N, C-alpha and C. Protein backbone atom coordinates (compact mmCIF):
# COMPACT_ATOMS: atom_id res chain seq x y z
N UNK A 1 -27.79 -73.95 -41.22
CA UNK A 1 -27.89 -73.51 -42.61
C UNK A 1 -29.23 -73.94 -43.19
N UNK A 2 -29.74 -73.21 -44.21
CA UNK A 2 -31.02 -73.59 -44.80
C UNK A 2 -30.96 -74.94 -45.45
N UNK A 3 -32.07 -75.64 -45.35
CA UNK A 3 -32.12 -77.00 -45.88
C UNK A 3 -32.40 -77.03 -47.37
N UNK A 4 -32.70 -75.87 -47.97
CA UNK A 4 -32.95 -75.83 -49.40
C UNK A 4 -34.42 -75.99 -49.70
N UNK A 5 -34.81 -75.77 -50.94
CA UNK A 5 -36.21 -75.81 -51.31
C UNK A 5 -36.80 -77.20 -51.19
N UNK A 6 -38.05 -77.26 -50.82
CA UNK A 6 -38.75 -78.54 -50.71
C UNK A 6 -40.03 -78.45 -51.50
N UNK A 7 -40.22 -79.34 -52.47
CA UNK A 7 -41.43 -79.35 -53.29
C UNK A 7 -42.03 -80.75 -53.20
N UNK A 8 -42.54 -81.10 -52.01
CA UNK A 8 -43.02 -82.46 -51.80
C UNK A 8 -44.22 -82.79 -52.66
N UNK A 9 -44.95 -81.76 -53.16
CA UNK A 9 -46.13 -82.02 -53.98
C UNK A 9 -45.83 -81.87 -55.46
N UNK A 10 -44.56 -81.73 -55.82
CA UNK A 10 -44.19 -81.58 -57.22
C UNK A 10 -44.12 -82.94 -57.88
N UNK A 11 -44.69 -83.06 -59.07
CA UNK A 11 -44.66 -84.35 -59.76
C UNK A 11 -44.26 -84.15 -61.21
N UNK A 12 -43.63 -85.14 -61.77
CA UNK A 12 -43.21 -85.11 -63.17
C UNK A 12 -43.85 -86.27 -63.90
N UNK A 13 -44.45 -85.97 -65.03
CA UNK A 13 -45.11 -87.01 -65.83
C UNK A 13 -44.54 -86.96 -67.24
N UNK A 14 -43.26 -87.24 -67.34
CA UNK A 14 -42.57 -87.15 -68.62
C UNK A 14 -42.34 -88.50 -69.26
N UNK A 15 -42.79 -89.57 -68.62
CA UNK A 15 -42.55 -90.92 -69.14
C UNK A 15 -43.52 -91.22 -70.27
N UNK A 16 -43.31 -90.53 -71.40
CA UNK A 16 -44.15 -90.73 -72.57
C UNK A 16 -43.27 -91.05 -73.76
N UNK A 17 -43.88 -91.22 -74.91
CA UNK A 17 -43.11 -91.51 -76.11
C UNK A 17 -42.44 -90.26 -76.67
N UNK A 18 -42.77 -89.08 -76.15
CA UNK A 18 -42.19 -87.86 -76.66
C UNK A 18 -40.75 -87.72 -76.17
N UNK A 19 -39.89 -87.20 -77.03
CA UNK A 19 -38.48 -87.07 -76.67
C UNK A 19 -38.28 -86.00 -75.60
N UNK A 20 -39.11 -84.96 -75.63
CA UNK A 20 -38.99 -83.92 -74.62
C UNK A 20 -40.31 -83.17 -74.56
N UNK A 21 -40.47 -82.38 -73.54
CA UNK A 21 -41.68 -81.59 -73.34
C UNK A 21 -41.29 -80.12 -73.35
N UNK A 22 -42.06 -79.30 -74.04
CA UNK A 22 -41.80 -77.87 -74.09
C UNK A 22 -41.77 -77.32 -72.66
N UNK A 23 -40.70 -76.61 -72.28
CA UNK A 23 -40.62 -76.05 -70.92
C UNK A 23 -41.83 -75.20 -70.54
N UNK A 24 -42.45 -74.55 -71.53
CA UNK A 24 -43.62 -73.72 -71.25
C UNK A 24 -44.80 -74.54 -70.76
N UNK A 25 -44.78 -75.86 -71.03
CA UNK A 25 -45.87 -76.73 -70.61
C UNK A 25 -45.63 -77.35 -69.24
N UNK A 26 -44.47 -77.07 -68.64
CA UNK A 26 -44.13 -77.68 -67.35
C UNK A 26 -44.63 -76.83 -66.19
N UNK A 27 -44.89 -77.45 -65.04
CA UNK A 27 -45.34 -76.69 -63.87
C UNK A 27 -44.23 -75.80 -63.32
N UNK A 28 -44.62 -74.70 -62.70
CA UNK A 28 -43.63 -73.79 -62.13
C UNK A 28 -42.87 -74.46 -60.99
N UNK A 29 -41.58 -74.20 -60.96
CA UNK A 29 -40.70 -74.78 -59.94
C UNK A 29 -39.80 -73.67 -59.41
N UNK A 30 -39.84 -73.41 -58.14
CA UNK A 30 -39.08 -72.34 -57.49
C UNK A 30 -39.51 -70.97 -58.01
N UNK A 31 -38.88 -69.93 -57.49
CA UNK A 31 -39.26 -68.55 -57.80
C UNK A 31 -38.16 -67.88 -58.61
N UNK A 32 -38.39 -67.59 -59.88
CA UNK A 32 -37.34 -66.97 -60.70
C UNK A 32 -36.93 -65.60 -60.21
N UNK A 33 -37.74 -64.96 -59.38
CA UNK A 33 -37.38 -63.64 -58.86
C UNK A 33 -36.20 -63.70 -57.90
N UNK A 34 -35.89 -64.89 -57.40
CA UNK A 34 -34.75 -65.04 -56.50
C UNK A 34 -33.44 -65.28 -57.25
N UNK A 35 -33.51 -65.36 -58.58
CA UNK A 35 -32.34 -65.67 -59.40
C UNK A 35 -31.78 -64.38 -59.99
N UNK A 36 -30.53 -64.07 -59.68
CA UNK A 36 -29.87 -62.89 -60.22
C UNK A 36 -29.40 -63.16 -61.65
N UNK A 37 -28.77 -62.15 -62.27
CA UNK A 37 -28.24 -62.33 -63.61
C UNK A 37 -29.05 -61.61 -64.67
N UNK A 38 -28.46 -61.44 -65.84
CA UNK A 38 -29.08 -60.65 -66.90
C UNK A 38 -29.95 -61.45 -67.86
N UNK A 39 -30.14 -62.74 -67.60
CA UNK A 39 -31.03 -63.53 -68.46
C UNK A 39 -32.45 -63.02 -68.32
N UNK A 40 -33.24 -63.06 -69.38
CA UNK A 40 -34.64 -62.63 -69.29
C UNK A 40 -35.40 -63.42 -68.23
N UNK A 41 -36.36 -62.76 -67.59
CA UNK A 41 -37.12 -63.41 -66.52
C UNK A 41 -37.82 -64.67 -67.00
N UNK A 42 -38.35 -64.63 -68.23
CA UNK A 42 -39.06 -65.80 -68.75
C UNK A 42 -38.10 -66.96 -68.97
N UNK A 43 -36.88 -66.67 -69.40
CA UNK A 43 -35.88 -67.72 -69.55
C UNK A 43 -35.55 -68.34 -68.19
N UNK A 44 -35.43 -67.50 -67.18
CA UNK A 44 -35.17 -68.01 -65.83
C UNK A 44 -36.31 -68.93 -65.38
N UNK A 45 -37.53 -68.49 -65.60
CA UNK A 45 -38.68 -69.27 -65.15
C UNK A 45 -38.75 -70.63 -65.85
N UNK A 46 -38.60 -70.62 -67.16
CA UNK A 46 -38.71 -71.88 -67.90
C UNK A 46 -37.52 -72.80 -67.63
N UNK A 47 -36.35 -72.21 -67.38
CA UNK A 47 -35.18 -73.02 -67.04
C UNK A 47 -35.38 -73.71 -65.70
N UNK A 48 -35.90 -72.98 -64.72
CA UNK A 48 -36.19 -73.59 -63.42
C UNK A 48 -37.24 -74.69 -63.55
N UNK A 49 -38.26 -74.44 -64.38
CA UNK A 49 -39.29 -75.46 -64.58
C UNK A 49 -38.67 -76.75 -65.13
N UNK A 50 -37.72 -76.60 -66.06
CA UNK A 50 -37.08 -77.77 -66.65
C UNK A 50 -36.24 -78.51 -65.62
N UNK A 51 -35.52 -77.76 -64.78
CA UNK A 51 -34.77 -78.38 -63.69
C UNK A 51 -35.70 -79.18 -62.78
N UNK A 52 -36.82 -78.60 -62.42
CA UNK A 52 -37.74 -79.28 -61.53
C UNK A 52 -38.32 -80.55 -62.13
N UNK A 53 -38.70 -80.49 -63.40
CA UNK A 53 -39.36 -81.62 -64.03
C UNK A 53 -38.38 -82.73 -64.41
N UNK A 54 -37.27 -82.35 -65.03
CA UNK A 54 -36.32 -83.35 -65.53
C UNK A 54 -35.26 -83.72 -64.50
N UNK A 55 -34.74 -82.71 -63.78
CA UNK A 55 -33.61 -82.95 -62.89
C UNK A 55 -33.99 -83.44 -61.51
N UNK A 56 -35.08 -82.90 -60.96
CA UNK A 56 -35.46 -83.22 -59.58
C UNK A 56 -36.59 -84.25 -59.56
N UNK A 57 -37.66 -83.97 -60.27
CA UNK A 57 -38.77 -84.91 -60.34
C UNK A 57 -39.59 -84.98 -59.07
N UNK A 58 -40.39 -86.02 -58.96
CA UNK A 58 -41.26 -86.20 -57.81
C UNK A 58 -40.48 -86.78 -56.64
N UNK A 59 -41.11 -86.86 -55.49
CA UNK A 59 -40.42 -87.28 -54.27
C UNK A 59 -39.92 -88.71 -54.34
N UNK A 60 -40.51 -89.53 -55.21
CA UNK A 60 -40.04 -90.90 -55.33
C UNK A 60 -39.09 -91.08 -56.51
N UNK A 61 -38.65 -89.97 -57.11
CA UNK A 61 -37.66 -90.05 -58.19
C UNK A 61 -36.27 -90.29 -57.61
N UNK A 62 -35.37 -90.78 -58.46
CA UNK A 62 -34.00 -91.04 -58.03
C UNK A 62 -33.37 -89.77 -57.48
N UNK A 63 -32.77 -89.87 -56.29
CA UNK A 63 -31.99 -88.80 -55.66
C UNK A 63 -32.76 -87.50 -55.51
N UNK A 64 -34.08 -87.60 -55.31
CA UNK A 64 -34.89 -86.38 -55.17
C UNK A 64 -34.38 -85.50 -54.03
N UNK A 65 -34.00 -86.11 -52.92
CA UNK A 65 -33.54 -85.33 -51.76
C UNK A 65 -32.28 -84.54 -52.10
N UNK A 66 -31.47 -85.06 -53.01
CA UNK A 66 -30.25 -84.36 -53.44
C UNK A 66 -30.62 -83.24 -54.40
N UNK A 67 -31.42 -83.56 -55.40
CA UNK A 67 -31.80 -82.55 -56.39
C UNK A 67 -32.54 -81.38 -55.78
N UNK A 68 -33.32 -81.65 -54.73
CA UNK A 68 -34.09 -80.58 -54.09
C UNK A 68 -33.20 -79.57 -53.38
N UNK A 69 -31.93 -79.90 -53.19
CA UNK A 69 -31.01 -78.96 -52.54
C UNK A 69 -30.40 -77.96 -53.53
N UNK A 70 -30.61 -78.16 -54.82
CA UNK A 70 -30.03 -77.26 -55.81
C UNK A 70 -30.79 -75.94 -55.81
N UNK A 71 -30.09 -74.86 -55.49
CA UNK A 71 -30.68 -73.52 -55.46
C UNK A 71 -29.95 -72.67 -56.50
N UNK A 72 -30.61 -72.43 -57.60
CA UNK A 72 -30.01 -71.60 -58.65
C UNK A 72 -30.02 -70.14 -58.18
N UNK A 73 -28.86 -69.50 -58.19
CA UNK A 73 -28.75 -68.13 -57.71
C UNK A 73 -28.48 -67.12 -58.82
N UNK A 74 -28.01 -67.58 -59.98
CA UNK A 74 -27.72 -66.64 -61.07
C UNK A 74 -27.77 -67.35 -62.42
N UNK A 75 -28.37 -66.67 -63.39
CA UNK A 75 -28.34 -67.10 -64.79
C UNK A 75 -28.00 -65.88 -65.62
N UNK A 76 -26.83 -65.90 -66.24
CA UNK A 76 -26.35 -64.75 -67.01
C UNK A 76 -25.86 -65.20 -68.38
N UNK A 77 -25.89 -64.28 -69.33
CA UNK A 77 -25.36 -64.55 -70.66
C UNK A 77 -24.41 -63.44 -71.06
N UNK A 78 -23.44 -63.81 -71.89
CA UNK A 78 -22.45 -62.86 -72.36
C UNK A 78 -21.96 -63.33 -73.73
N UNK A 79 -21.51 -62.40 -74.54
CA UNK A 79 -20.99 -62.77 -75.86
C UNK A 79 -19.48 -62.87 -75.78
N UNK A 80 -18.95 -64.05 -76.15
CA UNK A 80 -17.51 -64.30 -76.13
C UNK A 80 -17.08 -64.89 -77.46
N UNK A 81 -16.11 -64.27 -78.08
CA UNK A 81 -15.56 -64.76 -79.35
C UNK A 81 -16.64 -65.03 -80.38
N UNK A 82 -17.60 -64.13 -80.45
CA UNK A 82 -18.64 -64.24 -81.45
C UNK A 82 -19.77 -65.19 -81.13
N UNK A 83 -19.78 -65.75 -79.94
CA UNK A 83 -20.86 -66.66 -79.57
C UNK A 83 -21.38 -66.29 -78.18
N UNK A 84 -22.60 -66.70 -77.91
CA UNK A 84 -23.23 -66.42 -76.62
C UNK A 84 -22.87 -67.53 -75.64
N UNK A 85 -22.39 -67.14 -74.47
CA UNK A 85 -22.09 -68.09 -73.39
C UNK A 85 -23.04 -67.81 -72.23
N UNK A 86 -23.64 -68.86 -71.71
CA UNK A 86 -24.52 -68.75 -70.54
C UNK A 86 -23.81 -69.34 -69.34
N UNK A 87 -23.82 -68.60 -68.25
CA UNK A 87 -23.22 -69.05 -66.99
C UNK A 87 -24.32 -69.16 -65.95
N UNK A 88 -24.35 -70.28 -65.26
CA UNK A 88 -25.32 -70.51 -64.19
C UNK A 88 -24.58 -70.82 -62.90
N UNK A 89 -24.96 -70.14 -61.83
CA UNK A 89 -24.38 -70.38 -60.52
C UNK A 89 -25.47 -70.96 -59.61
N UNK A 90 -25.12 -72.01 -58.89
CA UNK A 90 -26.06 -72.64 -57.97
C UNK A 90 -25.35 -72.96 -56.67
N UNK A 91 -26.12 -73.08 -55.61
CA UNK A 91 -25.60 -73.50 -54.32
C UNK A 91 -26.30 -74.79 -53.90
N UNK A 92 -25.51 -75.68 -53.34
CA UNK A 92 -26.04 -76.97 -52.88
C UNK A 92 -25.50 -77.24 -51.49
N UNK A 93 -26.37 -77.25 -50.51
CA UNK A 93 -25.96 -77.57 -49.15
C UNK A 93 -25.91 -79.09 -48.98
N UNK A 94 -24.75 -79.59 -48.57
CA UNK A 94 -24.62 -81.03 -48.35
C UNK A 94 -25.61 -81.50 -47.28
N UNK A 95 -26.15 -82.70 -47.47
CA UNK A 95 -27.09 -83.27 -46.50
C UNK A 95 -26.78 -84.75 -46.35
N UNK A 96 -27.43 -85.39 -45.38
CA UNK A 96 -27.09 -86.77 -45.05
C UNK A 96 -27.37 -87.73 -46.21
N UNK A 97 -28.34 -87.40 -47.06
CA UNK A 97 -28.65 -88.28 -48.19
C UNK A 97 -27.53 -88.30 -49.23
N UNK A 98 -26.57 -87.38 -49.12
CA UNK A 98 -25.48 -87.31 -50.08
C UNK A 98 -24.24 -88.07 -49.64
N UNK A 99 -24.19 -88.49 -48.39
CA UNK A 99 -22.94 -88.97 -47.81
C UNK A 99 -22.67 -90.44 -48.08
N UNK A 100 -21.38 -90.77 -48.16
CA UNK A 100 -20.96 -92.17 -48.20
C UNK A 100 -20.67 -92.66 -46.79
N UNK A 101 -20.15 -93.87 -46.66
CA UNK A 101 -19.89 -94.42 -45.33
C UNK A 101 -18.83 -93.69 -44.57
N UNK A 102 -17.98 -92.94 -45.26
CA UNK A 102 -16.92 -92.18 -44.59
C UNK A 102 -17.38 -90.80 -44.15
N UNK A 103 -18.63 -90.45 -44.45
CA UNK A 103 -19.16 -89.17 -44.00
C UNK A 103 -18.88 -88.01 -44.93
N UNK A 104 -18.47 -88.29 -46.16
CA UNK A 104 -18.26 -87.23 -47.14
C UNK A 104 -19.21 -87.43 -48.32
N UNK A 105 -19.39 -86.38 -49.11
CA UNK A 105 -20.32 -86.46 -50.23
C UNK A 105 -19.83 -87.52 -51.22
N UNK A 106 -20.71 -88.44 -51.55
CA UNK A 106 -20.38 -89.58 -52.43
C UNK A 106 -20.03 -89.09 -53.83
N UNK A 107 -19.06 -89.76 -54.45
CA UNK A 107 -18.68 -89.41 -55.81
C UNK A 107 -19.82 -89.52 -56.80
N UNK A 108 -20.70 -90.50 -56.59
CA UNK A 108 -21.86 -90.64 -57.45
C UNK A 108 -22.81 -89.45 -57.32
N UNK A 109 -22.90 -88.90 -56.12
CA UNK A 109 -23.71 -87.71 -55.89
C UNK A 109 -23.11 -86.52 -56.61
N UNK A 110 -21.80 -86.39 -56.57
CA UNK A 110 -21.12 -85.31 -57.29
C UNK A 110 -21.43 -85.40 -58.78
N UNK A 111 -21.39 -86.61 -59.34
CA UNK A 111 -21.69 -86.79 -60.75
C UNK A 111 -23.14 -86.40 -61.05
N UNK A 112 -24.04 -86.77 -60.17
CA UNK A 112 -25.45 -86.39 -60.32
C UNK A 112 -25.60 -84.87 -60.34
N UNK A 113 -24.90 -84.19 -59.45
CA UNK A 113 -24.99 -82.73 -59.39
C UNK A 113 -24.41 -82.09 -60.65
N UNK A 114 -23.30 -82.62 -61.14
CA UNK A 114 -22.71 -82.07 -62.37
C UNK A 114 -23.64 -82.30 -63.55
N UNK A 115 -24.22 -83.49 -63.63
CA UNK A 115 -25.14 -83.79 -64.72
C UNK A 115 -26.31 -82.80 -64.73
N UNK A 116 -26.88 -82.55 -63.57
CA UNK A 116 -28.01 -81.63 -63.46
C UNK A 116 -27.58 -80.18 -63.69
N UNK A 117 -26.55 -79.75 -62.97
CA UNK A 117 -26.19 -78.33 -62.99
C UNK A 117 -25.56 -77.91 -64.31
N UNK A 118 -24.77 -78.77 -64.94
CA UNK A 118 -24.19 -78.43 -66.24
C UNK A 118 -25.25 -78.41 -67.33
N UNK A 119 -26.37 -79.05 -67.09
CA UNK A 119 -27.46 -79.03 -68.07
C UNK A 119 -28.22 -77.69 -68.04
N UNK A 120 -28.20 -77.01 -66.90
CA UNK A 120 -29.02 -75.80 -66.75
C UNK A 120 -28.64 -74.71 -67.75
N UNK A 121 -27.36 -74.36 -67.92
CA UNK A 121 -27.05 -73.30 -68.90
C UNK A 121 -27.38 -73.70 -70.33
N UNK A 122 -27.33 -74.98 -70.65
CA UNK A 122 -27.71 -75.43 -71.99
C UNK A 122 -29.20 -75.21 -72.24
N UNK A 123 -30.00 -75.49 -71.22
CA UNK A 123 -31.44 -75.25 -71.34
C UNK A 123 -31.70 -73.76 -71.54
N UNK A 124 -31.03 -72.92 -70.74
CA UNK A 124 -31.24 -71.48 -70.84
C UNK A 124 -30.81 -70.95 -72.21
N UNK A 125 -29.66 -71.39 -72.69
CA UNK A 125 -29.19 -70.93 -74.00
C UNK A 125 -30.12 -71.42 -75.11
N UNK A 126 -30.61 -72.65 -74.98
CA UNK A 126 -31.55 -73.16 -75.95
C UNK A 126 -32.82 -72.31 -76.02
N UNK A 127 -33.31 -71.88 -74.87
CA UNK A 127 -34.48 -71.02 -74.83
C UNK A 127 -34.21 -69.69 -75.51
N UNK A 128 -33.02 -69.16 -75.31
CA UNK A 128 -32.66 -67.87 -75.92
C UNK A 128 -32.53 -67.99 -77.44
N UNK A 129 -32.13 -69.16 -77.92
CA UNK A 129 -31.88 -69.33 -79.35
C UNK A 129 -32.93 -70.20 -80.04
N UNK A 130 -34.00 -70.52 -79.31
CA UNK A 130 -35.10 -71.32 -79.84
C UNK A 130 -34.61 -72.68 -80.35
N UNK A 131 -33.77 -73.31 -79.52
CA UNK A 131 -33.25 -74.65 -79.79
C UNK A 131 -33.56 -75.52 -78.57
N UNK A 132 -33.79 -76.81 -78.79
CA UNK A 132 -33.98 -77.72 -77.67
C UNK A 132 -32.65 -77.91 -76.95
N UNK A 133 -32.48 -77.27 -75.81
CA UNK A 133 -31.26 -77.42 -75.03
C UNK A 133 -31.36 -78.45 -73.93
N UNK A 134 -32.45 -79.20 -73.91
CA UNK A 134 -32.63 -80.22 -72.86
C UNK A 134 -31.77 -81.43 -73.18
N UNK A 135 -32.04 -82.07 -74.30
CA UNK A 135 -31.22 -83.20 -74.74
C UNK A 135 -31.18 -84.34 -73.74
N UNK A 136 -30.29 -85.30 -74.02
CA UNK A 136 -30.04 -86.40 -73.11
C UNK A 136 -28.53 -86.52 -72.92
N UNK A 137 -28.12 -86.89 -71.72
CA UNK A 137 -26.69 -86.98 -71.43
C UNK A 137 -26.05 -88.09 -72.24
N UNK A 138 -24.90 -87.79 -72.82
CA UNK A 138 -24.19 -88.74 -73.67
C UNK A 138 -22.89 -89.19 -73.04
N UNK A 139 -22.13 -88.26 -72.46
CA UNK A 139 -20.85 -88.59 -71.83
C UNK A 139 -20.53 -87.52 -70.79
N UNK A 140 -19.77 -87.96 -69.78
CA UNK A 140 -19.38 -87.03 -68.73
C UNK A 140 -18.00 -87.41 -68.22
N UNK A 141 -17.15 -86.41 -68.06
CA UNK A 141 -15.81 -86.61 -67.52
C UNK A 141 -15.69 -85.80 -66.24
N UNK A 142 -15.32 -86.45 -65.15
CA UNK A 142 -15.30 -85.81 -63.83
C UNK A 142 -13.95 -86.00 -63.17
N UNK A 143 -13.42 -84.93 -62.60
CA UNK A 143 -12.22 -84.98 -61.76
C UNK A 143 -12.62 -84.64 -60.34
N UNK A 144 -12.21 -85.49 -59.40
CA UNK A 144 -12.47 -85.23 -57.98
C UNK A 144 -11.20 -84.63 -57.36
N UNK A 145 -11.34 -83.44 -56.79
CA UNK A 145 -10.17 -82.73 -56.26
C UNK A 145 -10.06 -82.81 -54.75
N UNK A 146 -11.19 -82.76 -54.04
CA UNK A 146 -11.16 -82.76 -52.57
C UNK A 146 -12.52 -83.23 -52.06
N UNK A 147 -12.55 -83.83 -50.87
CA UNK A 147 -13.83 -84.27 -50.30
C UNK A 147 -14.66 -83.10 -49.79
N UNK A 148 -15.95 -83.36 -49.64
CA UNK A 148 -16.87 -82.37 -49.07
C UNK A 148 -17.61 -83.02 -47.92
N UNK A 149 -17.62 -82.38 -46.77
CA UNK A 149 -18.30 -82.91 -45.59
C UNK A 149 -19.73 -82.38 -45.53
N UNK A 150 -20.49 -82.84 -44.54
CA UNK A 150 -21.90 -82.49 -44.46
C UNK A 150 -22.13 -81.01 -44.18
N UNK A 151 -21.15 -80.31 -43.63
CA UNK A 151 -21.32 -78.89 -43.36
C UNK A 151 -20.90 -78.01 -44.53
N UNK A 152 -20.61 -78.62 -45.67
CA UNK A 152 -20.14 -77.87 -46.83
C UNK A 152 -21.32 -77.34 -47.65
N UNK A 153 -21.26 -76.05 -47.97
CA UNK A 153 -22.17 -75.49 -48.96
C UNK A 153 -21.38 -75.44 -50.26
N UNK A 154 -21.81 -76.22 -51.24
CA UNK A 154 -21.10 -76.32 -52.51
C UNK A 154 -21.57 -75.24 -53.47
N UNK A 155 -20.62 -74.52 -54.04
CA UNK A 155 -20.91 -73.51 -55.06
C UNK A 155 -20.64 -74.15 -56.41
N UNK A 156 -21.66 -74.22 -57.25
CA UNK A 156 -21.58 -74.92 -58.52
C UNK A 156 -21.70 -73.90 -59.66
N UNK A 157 -20.64 -73.76 -60.44
CA UNK A 157 -20.62 -72.82 -61.56
C UNK A 157 -20.54 -73.60 -62.86
N UNK A 158 -21.52 -73.40 -63.72
CA UNK A 158 -21.59 -74.14 -64.99
C UNK A 158 -21.70 -73.15 -66.14
N UNK A 159 -21.07 -73.48 -67.26
CA UNK A 159 -21.14 -72.59 -68.42
C UNK A 159 -21.19 -73.40 -69.71
N UNK A 160 -21.89 -72.87 -70.68
CA UNK A 160 -22.02 -73.54 -71.96
C UNK A 160 -20.69 -73.53 -72.70
N UNK A 161 -20.46 -74.57 -73.48
CA UNK A 161 -19.31 -74.65 -74.38
C UNK A 161 -19.80 -74.65 -75.82
N UNK A 162 -20.70 -75.58 -76.15
CA UNK A 162 -21.27 -75.64 -77.50
C UNK A 162 -22.75 -75.97 -77.40
N UNK A 163 -23.50 -75.51 -78.38
CA UNK A 163 -24.91 -75.88 -78.52
C UNK A 163 -25.22 -75.94 -80.00
N UNK A 164 -25.25 -77.15 -80.55
CA UNK A 164 -25.49 -77.35 -81.97
C UNK A 164 -26.80 -78.05 -82.22
N UNK A 165 -27.01 -78.41 -83.46
CA UNK A 165 -28.25 -79.06 -83.82
C UNK A 165 -28.37 -80.48 -83.29
N UNK A 166 -27.22 -81.10 -82.98
CA UNK A 166 -27.26 -82.48 -82.49
C UNK A 166 -26.49 -82.65 -81.19
N UNK A 167 -25.33 -82.01 -81.05
CA UNK A 167 -24.48 -82.18 -79.87
C UNK A 167 -24.37 -80.86 -79.11
N UNK A 168 -24.34 -80.94 -77.80
CA UNK A 168 -24.16 -79.77 -76.93
C UNK A 168 -23.25 -80.16 -75.77
N UNK A 169 -22.58 -79.18 -75.20
CA UNK A 169 -21.66 -79.49 -74.09
C UNK A 169 -21.56 -78.31 -73.15
N UNK A 170 -21.18 -78.61 -71.91
CA UNK A 170 -21.00 -77.59 -70.88
C UNK A 170 -19.94 -78.07 -69.90
N UNK A 171 -19.32 -77.12 -69.22
CA UNK A 171 -18.35 -77.48 -68.18
C UNK A 171 -18.83 -76.97 -66.83
N UNK A 172 -18.34 -77.59 -65.79
CA UNK A 172 -18.86 -77.34 -64.45
C UNK A 172 -17.75 -77.43 -63.42
N UNK A 173 -17.78 -76.54 -62.44
CA UNK A 173 -16.84 -76.59 -61.32
C UNK A 173 -17.63 -76.53 -60.01
N UNK A 174 -17.26 -77.38 -59.08
CA UNK A 174 -17.87 -77.37 -57.75
C UNK A 174 -16.80 -76.98 -56.75
N UNK A 175 -17.03 -75.90 -56.00
CA UNK A 175 -16.09 -75.44 -54.99
C UNK A 175 -16.79 -75.33 -53.64
N UNK A 176 -15.98 -75.27 -52.60
CA UNK A 176 -16.49 -74.98 -51.26
C UNK A 176 -16.79 -73.49 -51.21
N UNK A 177 -18.04 -73.12 -50.97
CA UNK A 177 -18.42 -71.71 -51.00
C UNK A 177 -17.63 -70.89 -50.00
N UNK A 178 -17.35 -71.46 -48.84
CA UNK A 178 -16.67 -70.71 -47.79
C UNK A 178 -15.18 -70.56 -48.04
N UNK A 179 -14.51 -71.64 -48.42
CA UNK A 179 -13.05 -71.60 -48.55
C UNK A 179 -12.57 -71.38 -49.98
N UNK A 180 -13.44 -71.65 -50.97
CA UNK A 180 -13.04 -71.56 -52.36
C UNK A 180 -12.29 -72.78 -52.87
N UNK A 181 -12.11 -73.79 -52.02
CA UNK A 181 -11.40 -75.01 -52.41
C UNK A 181 -12.16 -75.76 -53.49
N UNK A 182 -11.44 -76.23 -54.50
CA UNK A 182 -12.06 -76.99 -55.58
C UNK A 182 -12.42 -78.39 -55.08
N UNK A 183 -13.65 -78.78 -55.28
CA UNK A 183 -14.14 -80.10 -54.88
C UNK A 183 -14.17 -81.05 -56.08
N UNK A 184 -14.71 -80.59 -57.20
CA UNK A 184 -14.79 -81.42 -58.40
C UNK A 184 -14.97 -80.53 -59.61
N UNK A 185 -14.59 -81.06 -60.76
CA UNK A 185 -14.82 -80.36 -62.02
C UNK A 185 -15.19 -81.38 -63.08
N UNK A 186 -15.92 -80.95 -64.09
CA UNK A 186 -16.35 -81.91 -65.08
C UNK A 186 -16.79 -81.27 -66.38
N UNK A 187 -16.85 -82.11 -67.41
CA UNK A 187 -17.38 -81.75 -68.72
C UNK A 187 -18.57 -82.67 -69.01
N UNK A 188 -19.64 -82.10 -69.53
CA UNK A 188 -20.84 -82.86 -69.86
C UNK A 188 -21.14 -82.69 -71.34
N UNK A 189 -21.34 -83.79 -72.03
CA UNK A 189 -21.78 -83.78 -73.43
C UNK A 189 -23.19 -84.35 -73.50
N UNK A 190 -24.05 -83.67 -74.25
CA UNK A 190 -25.42 -84.13 -74.41
C UNK A 190 -25.75 -84.17 -75.89
N UNK A 191 -26.84 -84.83 -76.24
CA UNK A 191 -27.24 -84.93 -77.63
C UNK A 191 -28.75 -84.82 -77.74
N UNK A 192 -29.20 -84.46 -78.94
CA UNK A 192 -30.63 -84.43 -79.20
C UNK A 192 -31.12 -85.86 -79.40
N UNK A 193 -32.12 -86.29 -78.65
CA UNK A 193 -32.53 -87.70 -78.73
C UNK A 193 -33.26 -88.06 -80.01
N UNK A 194 -33.80 -87.07 -80.72
CA UNK A 194 -34.62 -87.38 -81.89
C UNK A 194 -34.08 -86.75 -83.17
N UNK A 195 -32.78 -86.43 -83.16
CA UNK A 195 -32.22 -85.83 -84.37
C UNK A 195 -32.19 -86.86 -85.50
N UNK A 196 -32.45 -86.40 -86.70
CA UNK A 196 -32.47 -87.31 -87.85
C UNK A 196 -31.07 -87.83 -88.14
N UNK A 197 -30.97 -89.12 -88.39
CA UNK A 197 -29.68 -89.72 -88.68
C UNK A 197 -29.29 -89.45 -90.13
N UNK A 198 -28.00 -89.31 -90.41
CA UNK A 198 -27.57 -89.10 -91.79
C UNK A 198 -27.82 -90.35 -92.60
N UNK A 199 -27.98 -90.20 -93.92
CA UNK A 199 -28.23 -91.40 -94.76
C UNK A 199 -27.01 -92.32 -94.74
N UNK A 200 -27.23 -93.63 -94.81
CA UNK A 200 -26.10 -94.58 -94.77
C UNK A 200 -25.21 -94.43 -95.99
N UNK A 201 -23.93 -94.66 -95.78
CA UNK A 201 -22.99 -94.61 -96.90
C UNK A 201 -22.94 -95.99 -97.57
N UNK A 202 -22.88 -95.97 -98.88
CA UNK A 202 -22.83 -97.21 -99.64
C UNK A 202 -21.39 -97.67 -99.82
């Protein structure tokens, strides 16, 4: 099976006093032409750039070998109940850097994947609505349903739930691409890191 994209020369320089960096200012990461779905091409490009800079980072970043396996295959939007929902589908081929001592994908790795992949539709929706959808992770709830071995290609489906001025959330499901078996599911809540605080109550 393919080992996934490798960007050994990709670097992220986000360790500044700024809360976030405009996706348009980030270096290109992966090829948006390989991503299906009805999202605008520019949204796909900037969303991938954000994944590369914030989620994957440089080769010496935490879990780079894991993040480099994330292959976004679809970014789509649809209107549901009067609001826009963005759905992102990604594939992640398990590799040795993901395994625990028992030879299955580590629970911490699953959490890392949910944190990254559930963030992607929020970024895309933010770009569509001219809102900062990057944010910082605030809370995450994860259910582990079944183990994943090294030969598993994980299908990760994430969709937006809310995107407000301060709080945003998304849900995520990880399944075995071949069998359809549920591996893990989770909810991710994020917040704007620089939102103005309300005045204190007297």
